[in-house]
N, C-alpha and C. Protein backbone atom coordinates (compact mmCIF):
# COMPACT_ATOMS: atom_id res chain seq x y z
N UNK A 1 -31.05 13.50 39.37
CA UNK A 1 -31.50 13.05 40.67
C UNK A 1 -30.76 11.72 40.96
N UNK A 2 -30.33 11.62 42.20
CA UNK A 2 -29.55 10.41 42.66
C UNK A 2 -30.47 9.09 42.31
N UNK A 3 -29.75 8.09 41.95
CA UNK A 3 -30.45 6.73 41.73
C UNK A 3 -31.14 6.29 43.00
N UNK A 4 -32.33 5.76 42.82
CA UNK A 4 -33.00 5.13 43.96
C UNK A 4 -32.48 3.68 44.16
N UNK A 5 -32.61 3.25 45.33
CA UNK A 5 -32.15 1.89 45.66
C UNK A 5 -32.92 0.92 44.77
N UNK A 6 -32.33 0.01 44.05
CA UNK A 6 -32.94 -0.89 43.23
C UNK A 6 -33.77 -1.88 44.03
N UNK A 7 -34.90 -2.38 43.43
CA UNK A 7 -35.66 -3.40 44.05
C UNK A 7 -34.79 -4.62 44.34
N UNK A 8 -35.02 -5.29 45.54
CA UNK A 8 -34.20 -6.48 45.85
C UNK A 8 -34.19 -7.62 44.89
N UNK A 9 -35.29 -7.88 44.22
CA UNK A 9 -35.34 -8.85 43.27
C UNK A 9 -35.11 -8.36 41.79
N UNK A 10 -34.70 -7.09 41.73
CA UNK A 10 -34.48 -6.54 40.35
C UNK A 10 -35.64 -6.24 39.55
N UNK A 11 -36.79 -6.37 40.12
CA UNK A 11 -38.05 -6.18 39.32
C UNK A 11 -38.93 -5.27 40.12
N UNK A 12 -39.54 -4.28 39.36
CA UNK A 12 -40.51 -3.44 39.93
C UNK A 12 -41.83 -3.73 39.18
N UNK A 13 -42.90 -4.03 40.02
CA UNK A 13 -44.18 -4.33 39.42
C UNK A 13 -44.92 -3.14 39.05
N UNK A 14 -44.61 -1.91 39.64
CA UNK A 14 -45.28 -0.71 39.38
C UNK A 14 -44.37 0.41 39.94
N UNK A 15 -44.59 1.61 39.41
CA UNK A 15 -43.81 2.81 39.86
C UNK A 15 -44.66 4.02 39.90
N UNK A 16 -44.35 4.83 40.90
CA UNK A 16 -45.12 6.15 41.08
C UNK A 16 -44.18 7.19 41.72
N UNK A 17 -44.29 8.42 41.34
CA UNK A 17 -43.47 9.51 41.95
C UNK A 17 -44.44 10.53 42.62
N UNK A 18 -43.86 11.26 43.49
CA UNK A 18 -44.54 12.32 44.14
C UNK A 18 -43.49 13.40 44.62
N UNK A 19 -43.88 14.61 44.90
CA UNK A 19 -42.85 15.55 45.40
C UNK A 19 -43.66 16.62 46.14
N UNK A 20 -42.80 17.44 46.99
CA UNK A 20 -43.38 18.55 47.70
C UNK A 20 -42.24 19.48 48.07
N UNK A 21 -42.59 20.76 48.26
CA UNK A 21 -41.60 21.80 48.66
C UNK A 21 -41.75 21.90 50.20
N UNK A 22 -40.52 21.88 50.81
CA UNK A 22 -40.44 21.99 52.30
C UNK A 22 -40.81 23.47 52.68
N UNK A 23 -41.79 23.58 53.51
CA UNK A 23 -42.21 24.95 53.94
C UNK A 23 -41.69 25.19 55.41
N UNK A 24 -41.54 26.34 55.85
CA UNK A 24 -40.97 26.56 57.26
C UNK A 24 -41.85 25.79 58.25
N UNK A 25 -43.12 25.64 58.11
CA UNK A 25 -43.99 24.99 59.12
C UNK A 25 -43.55 23.48 59.25
N UNK A 26 -42.84 22.92 58.20
CA UNK A 26 -42.48 21.53 58.14
C UNK A 26 -41.16 21.35 58.70
N UNK A 27 -40.50 22.34 59.30
CA UNK A 27 -39.10 22.22 59.78
C UNK A 27 -38.99 22.26 61.29
N UNK A 28 -37.81 21.78 61.70
CA UNK A 28 -37.53 21.85 63.22
C UNK A 28 -36.71 23.16 63.42
N UNK A 29 -36.11 23.31 64.57
CA UNK A 29 -35.47 24.54 64.96
C UNK A 29 -34.11 24.67 64.26
N UNK A 30 -33.67 23.64 63.57
CA UNK A 30 -32.43 23.68 62.69
C UNK A 30 -32.76 24.16 61.25
N UNK A 31 -34.04 24.21 60.91
CA UNK A 31 -34.47 24.54 59.52
C UNK A 31 -34.55 23.31 58.66
N UNK A 32 -34.44 22.14 59.29
CA UNK A 32 -34.42 20.87 58.48
C UNK A 32 -35.92 20.32 58.61
N UNK A 33 -36.35 19.65 57.51
CA UNK A 33 -37.68 19.04 57.50
C UNK A 33 -37.72 17.96 58.58
N UNK A 34 -38.86 17.93 59.31
CA UNK A 34 -39.09 16.91 60.30
C UNK A 34 -39.13 15.55 59.57
N UNK A 35 -38.51 14.49 60.12
CA UNK A 35 -38.50 13.18 59.56
C UNK A 35 -39.96 12.65 59.33
N UNK A 36 -40.75 13.00 60.29
CA UNK A 36 -42.15 12.58 60.24
C UNK A 36 -42.94 13.09 59.04
N UNK A 37 -42.56 14.28 58.50
CA UNK A 37 -43.23 14.80 57.39
C UNK A 37 -42.86 13.88 56.20
N UNK A 38 -41.61 13.47 56.08
CA UNK A 38 -41.28 12.61 55.00
C UNK A 38 -41.93 11.28 55.14
N UNK A 39 -42.04 10.74 56.34
CA UNK A 39 -42.60 9.48 56.61
C UNK A 39 -44.09 9.50 56.18
N UNK A 40 -44.84 10.57 56.49
CA UNK A 40 -46.28 10.68 56.11
C UNK A 40 -46.35 10.75 54.62
N UNK A 41 -45.54 11.45 53.95
CA UNK A 41 -45.56 11.51 52.52
C UNK A 41 -45.30 10.18 51.82
N UNK A 42 -44.33 9.45 52.50
CA UNK A 42 -44.02 8.17 51.98
C UNK A 42 -45.20 7.18 52.14
N UNK A 43 -45.81 7.21 53.27
CA UNK A 43 -46.97 6.36 53.58
C UNK A 43 -48.13 6.70 52.62
N UNK A 44 -48.32 7.98 52.33
CA UNK A 44 -49.41 8.33 51.37
C UNK A 44 -49.09 7.87 49.95
N UNK A 45 -47.83 7.93 49.50
CA UNK A 45 -47.45 7.43 48.29
C UNK A 45 -47.56 5.91 48.20
N UNK A 46 -47.14 5.21 49.21
CA UNK A 46 -47.31 3.83 49.28
C UNK A 46 -48.75 3.40 49.20
N UNK A 47 -49.58 4.07 49.85
CA UNK A 47 -51.06 3.89 49.69
C UNK A 47 -51.53 4.01 48.26
N UNK A 48 -51.14 5.06 47.62
CA UNK A 48 -51.60 5.38 46.25
C UNK A 48 -51.01 4.27 45.27
N UNK A 49 -49.90 3.95 45.35
CA UNK A 49 -49.34 2.95 44.33
C UNK A 49 -49.96 1.57 44.65
N UNK A 50 -50.15 1.19 45.93
CA UNK A 50 -50.64 -0.13 46.25
C UNK A 50 -52.15 -0.21 45.88
N UNK A 51 -52.87 0.89 46.15
CA UNK A 51 -54.37 0.90 45.77
C UNK A 51 -54.53 0.87 44.29
N UNK A 52 -53.70 1.59 43.58
CA UNK A 52 -53.73 1.55 42.03
C UNK A 52 -53.46 0.16 41.51
N UNK A 53 -52.35 -0.40 42.10
CA UNK A 53 -51.93 -1.72 41.61
C UNK A 53 -52.90 -2.85 41.93
N UNK A 54 -53.53 -2.78 43.13
CA UNK A 54 -54.29 -3.89 43.50
C UNK A 54 -55.84 -3.63 43.25
N UNK A 55 -56.09 -2.38 42.87
CA UNK A 55 -57.58 -1.89 42.72
C UNK A 55 -58.33 -2.32 43.93
N UNK A 56 -57.74 -2.15 45.16
CA UNK A 56 -58.40 -2.44 46.40
C UNK A 56 -58.10 -1.35 47.41
N UNK A 57 -58.92 -1.34 48.49
CA UNK A 57 -58.55 -0.54 49.53
C UNK A 57 -57.32 -1.19 50.32
N UNK A 58 -56.39 -0.43 50.69
CA UNK A 58 -55.22 -0.91 51.31
C UNK A 58 -54.87 -0.24 52.61
N UNK A 59 -54.14 -0.95 53.46
CA UNK A 59 -53.75 -0.36 54.70
C UNK A 59 -52.18 -0.73 54.85
N UNK A 60 -51.59 0.19 55.72
CA UNK A 60 -50.17 -0.04 56.03
C UNK A 60 -50.10 -1.11 57.11
N UNK A 61 -49.42 -2.13 56.76
CA UNK A 61 -49.15 -3.18 57.78
C UNK A 61 -47.82 -3.06 58.53
N UNK A 62 -46.84 -2.59 57.74
CA UNK A 62 -45.45 -2.46 58.36
C UNK A 62 -44.73 -1.33 57.59
N UNK A 63 -44.04 -0.53 58.45
CA UNK A 63 -43.02 0.42 57.97
C UNK A 63 -41.70 0.06 58.48
N UNK A 64 -40.80 -0.39 57.56
CA UNK A 64 -39.48 -0.89 57.97
C UNK A 64 -38.58 0.23 58.37
N UNK A 65 -37.43 -0.17 58.63
CA UNK A 65 -36.41 0.80 59.08
C UNK A 65 -36.14 1.95 58.10
N UNK A 66 -35.98 3.14 58.68
CA UNK A 66 -35.68 4.29 57.86
C UNK A 66 -34.32 4.63 57.95
N UNK A 67 -33.60 4.93 56.90
CA UNK A 67 -32.23 5.43 56.91
C UNK A 67 -32.25 6.77 56.34
N UNK A 68 -32.17 7.82 57.21
CA UNK A 68 -31.97 9.20 56.74
C UNK A 68 -30.56 9.53 56.72
N UNK A 69 -30.06 9.96 55.49
CA UNK A 69 -28.67 10.19 55.28
C UNK A 69 -28.32 11.68 54.93
N UNK A 70 -29.34 12.50 54.78
CA UNK A 70 -29.00 13.85 54.46
C UNK A 70 -30.19 14.74 54.78
N UNK A 71 -29.93 15.97 55.41
CA UNK A 71 -31.11 16.78 55.80
C UNK A 71 -31.60 17.47 54.49
N UNK A 72 -32.93 17.89 54.70
CA UNK A 72 -33.53 18.74 53.65
C UNK A 72 -33.96 20.00 54.30
N UNK A 73 -33.71 21.17 53.64
CA UNK A 73 -34.02 22.47 54.20
C UNK A 73 -35.26 23.09 53.72
N UNK A 74 -35.85 24.05 54.47
CA UNK A 74 -36.95 24.90 53.99
C UNK A 74 -36.60 25.44 52.58
N UNK A 75 -37.57 25.27 51.64
CA UNK A 75 -37.34 25.83 50.35
C UNK A 75 -36.79 24.76 49.31
N UNK A 76 -36.41 23.61 49.81
CA UNK A 76 -35.96 22.58 48.93
C UNK A 76 -37.08 21.73 48.56
N UNK A 77 -36.89 20.95 47.40
CA UNK A 77 -37.94 20.03 46.96
C UNK A 77 -37.65 18.68 47.46
N UNK A 78 -38.60 17.94 47.94
CA UNK A 78 -38.47 16.51 48.31
C UNK A 78 -39.13 15.71 47.18
N UNK A 79 -38.41 14.72 46.62
CA UNK A 79 -38.83 13.78 45.57
C UNK A 79 -38.95 12.43 46.14
N UNK A 80 -40.10 11.73 45.96
CA UNK A 80 -40.32 10.42 46.51
C UNK A 80 -40.61 9.55 45.26
N UNK A 81 -39.94 8.39 45.24
CA UNK A 81 -40.16 7.47 44.20
C UNK A 81 -40.56 6.12 44.88
N UNK A 82 -41.73 5.54 44.39
CA UNK A 82 -42.15 4.35 44.99
C UNK A 82 -42.12 3.20 43.89
N UNK A 83 -41.70 2.00 44.28
CA UNK A 83 -41.77 0.76 43.50
C UNK A 83 -42.30 -0.30 44.24
N UNK A 84 -43.25 -1.04 43.66
CA UNK A 84 -43.75 -2.30 44.24
C UNK A 84 -42.72 -3.29 43.89
N UNK A 85 -42.06 -3.97 44.95
CA UNK A 85 -40.96 -4.92 44.67
C UNK A 85 -41.25 -6.29 45.13
N UNK A 86 -42.50 -6.54 45.76
CA UNK A 86 -42.88 -7.87 46.08
C UNK A 86 -44.44 -7.91 46.09
N UNK A 87 -45.00 -8.95 45.56
CA UNK A 87 -46.51 -9.07 45.55
C UNK A 87 -46.81 -10.37 46.08
N UNK A 88 -47.71 -10.40 47.10
CA UNK A 88 -48.16 -11.65 47.65
C UNK A 88 -49.67 -11.75 47.24
N UNK A 89 -50.37 -12.58 48.09
CA UNK A 89 -51.83 -12.75 47.74
C UNK A 89 -52.67 -11.56 48.06
N UNK A 90 -52.36 -10.98 49.27
CA UNK A 90 -53.09 -9.84 49.71
C UNK A 90 -52.17 -8.67 50.12
N UNK A 91 -50.84 -8.89 49.99
CA UNK A 91 -49.88 -7.86 50.42
C UNK A 91 -48.95 -7.48 49.32
N UNK A 92 -48.29 -6.33 49.44
CA UNK A 92 -47.27 -5.87 48.57
C UNK A 92 -46.22 -5.16 49.39
N UNK A 93 -45.04 -5.26 48.98
CA UNK A 93 -43.94 -4.39 49.62
C UNK A 93 -43.66 -3.29 48.64
N UNK A 94 -43.59 -2.06 49.20
CA UNK A 94 -43.31 -0.86 48.43
C UNK A 94 -41.96 -0.25 48.93
N UNK A 95 -41.00 -0.10 48.03
CA UNK A 95 -39.79 0.48 48.27
C UNK A 95 -39.90 1.97 48.03
N UNK A 96 -39.59 2.82 49.04
CA UNK A 96 -39.70 4.29 48.91
C UNK A 96 -38.26 4.83 48.87
N UNK A 97 -37.92 5.58 47.90
CA UNK A 97 -36.63 6.28 47.83
C UNK A 97 -36.87 7.76 47.83
N UNK A 98 -36.23 8.49 48.69
CA UNK A 98 -36.41 9.87 48.87
C UNK A 98 -35.20 10.67 48.45
N UNK A 99 -35.34 11.73 47.66
CA UNK A 99 -34.22 12.56 47.26
C UNK A 99 -34.67 13.98 47.54
N UNK A 100 -33.62 14.84 47.58
CA UNK A 100 -33.76 16.25 47.73
C UNK A 100 -33.25 16.99 46.64
N UNK A 101 -33.81 18.21 46.32
CA UNK A 101 -33.32 19.03 45.31
C UNK A 101 -33.30 20.48 45.81
N UNK A 102 -32.11 21.17 45.68
CA UNK A 102 -32.04 22.53 46.05
C UNK A 102 -32.57 23.27 44.77
N UNK A 103 -33.71 23.88 44.82
CA UNK A 103 -34.34 24.48 43.68
C UNK A 103 -33.51 25.64 43.12
N UNK A 104 -32.82 26.38 43.93
CA UNK A 104 -32.05 27.57 43.41
C UNK A 104 -30.78 27.07 42.62
N UNK A 105 -30.27 25.89 42.90
CA UNK A 105 -29.01 25.51 42.21
C UNK A 105 -29.23 24.29 41.33
N UNK A 106 -30.22 23.46 41.56
CA UNK A 106 -30.41 22.21 40.80
C UNK A 106 -29.73 21.03 41.42
N UNK A 107 -28.96 21.27 42.49
CA UNK A 107 -28.29 20.23 43.15
C UNK A 107 -29.26 19.11 43.70
N UNK A 108 -28.99 17.88 43.53
CA UNK A 108 -29.83 16.81 44.06
C UNK A 108 -29.02 15.92 44.92
N UNK A 109 -29.65 15.24 45.94
CA UNK A 109 -28.99 14.35 46.85
C UNK A 109 -29.95 13.36 47.38
N UNK A 110 -29.40 12.16 47.76
CA UNK A 110 -30.17 11.20 48.37
C UNK A 110 -30.55 11.54 49.84
N UNK A 111 -31.70 11.28 50.24
CA UNK A 111 -32.27 11.66 51.62
C UNK A 111 -32.44 10.46 52.48
N UNK A 112 -33.31 9.50 52.04
CA UNK A 112 -33.80 8.44 52.87
C UNK A 112 -34.25 7.33 51.99
N UNK A 113 -34.54 6.19 52.61
CA UNK A 113 -35.26 5.07 52.02
C UNK A 113 -35.87 4.19 53.03
N UNK A 114 -36.90 3.43 52.64
CA UNK A 114 -37.62 2.48 53.48
C UNK A 114 -38.34 1.58 52.67
N UNK A 115 -38.82 0.48 53.35
CA UNK A 115 -39.67 -0.55 52.75
C UNK A 115 -41.01 -0.57 53.61
N UNK A 116 -42.10 -0.43 52.90
CA UNK A 116 -43.40 -0.46 53.58
C UNK A 116 -44.25 -1.68 53.01
N UNK A 117 -44.98 -2.39 53.88
CA UNK A 117 -45.75 -3.48 53.52
C UNK A 117 -47.22 -3.03 53.55
N UNK A 118 -47.89 -3.15 52.45
CA UNK A 118 -49.24 -2.67 52.31
C UNK A 118 -50.16 -3.93 52.10
N UNK A 119 -51.35 -3.98 52.73
CA UNK A 119 -52.17 -5.07 52.68
C UNK A 119 -53.56 -4.62 52.13
N UNK A 120 -54.07 -5.34 51.05
CA UNK A 120 -55.45 -5.15 50.52
C UNK A 120 -56.37 -5.67 51.56
N UNK A 121 -57.47 -4.96 51.81
CA UNK A 121 -58.46 -5.40 52.79
C UNK A 121 -59.87 -5.19 52.18
N UNK A 122 -60.76 -6.02 52.77
CA UNK A 122 -62.10 -5.97 52.36
C UNK A 122 -62.91 -4.98 53.24
N UNK A 123 -64.15 -4.85 53.05
CA UNK A 123 -64.93 -3.84 53.72
C UNK A 123 -65.01 -4.00 55.30
N UNK A 124 -64.52 -5.21 55.77
CA UNK A 124 -64.44 -5.50 57.16
C UNK A 124 -63.02 -5.31 57.72
N UNK A 125 -62.11 -4.82 56.89
CA UNK A 125 -60.80 -4.65 57.30
C UNK A 125 -59.85 -5.92 57.34
N UNK A 126 -60.44 -6.92 56.72
CA UNK A 126 -59.74 -8.22 56.72
C UNK A 126 -58.86 -8.32 55.46
N UNK A 127 -57.70 -9.01 55.50
CA UNK A 127 -56.89 -9.25 54.31
C UNK A 127 -57.76 -9.81 53.21
N UNK A 128 -57.60 -9.33 51.93
CA UNK A 128 -58.43 -9.64 50.85
C UNK A 128 -57.51 -9.89 49.59
N UNK A 129 -57.44 -11.14 49.21
CA UNK A 129 -56.63 -11.44 47.98
C UNK A 129 -57.00 -10.56 46.81
N UNK A 130 -56.13 -10.15 46.02
CA UNK A 130 -56.40 -9.34 44.80
C UNK A 130 -55.73 -9.81 43.61
N UNK A 131 -56.18 -9.42 42.45
CA UNK A 131 -55.63 -9.65 41.15
C UNK A 131 -55.00 -8.33 40.72
N UNK A 132 -53.62 -8.43 40.55
CA UNK A 132 -52.93 -7.14 40.20
C UNK A 132 -53.52 -6.63 38.84
N UNK A 133 -53.52 -5.31 38.70
CA UNK A 133 -53.89 -4.67 37.40
C UNK A 133 -52.85 -5.08 36.40
N UNK A 134 -53.41 -5.23 35.14
CA UNK A 134 -52.49 -5.59 33.99
C UNK A 134 -51.76 -4.41 33.49
């Protein structure tokens, strides 16, 4: 699999992976996966890693610029890798790297990347400082 973009500070506080196979219902008229399908999967993965790391309920505060560099076709596997690259008092930055895999050949390729900011919140939806899990 292609290397994911390294965290900007060279450190990852936590890591989590996810994947899904692109089905025809996920594609546009060219047979490529809709970018929004990848964004939703990335947001779900960012939630999972941030909630696990902070042991808190979290919300997405920001989704940074997406760079899509290669299409993914129906029947291909999409692999998402998440790293927490910055930790604040109530927020975390999650770097998402997306790769594709042609299941019939094993060919892998870089697809996209983005940075998401997740914020731990209390029961009223207000930012809530957290102690990261050990």
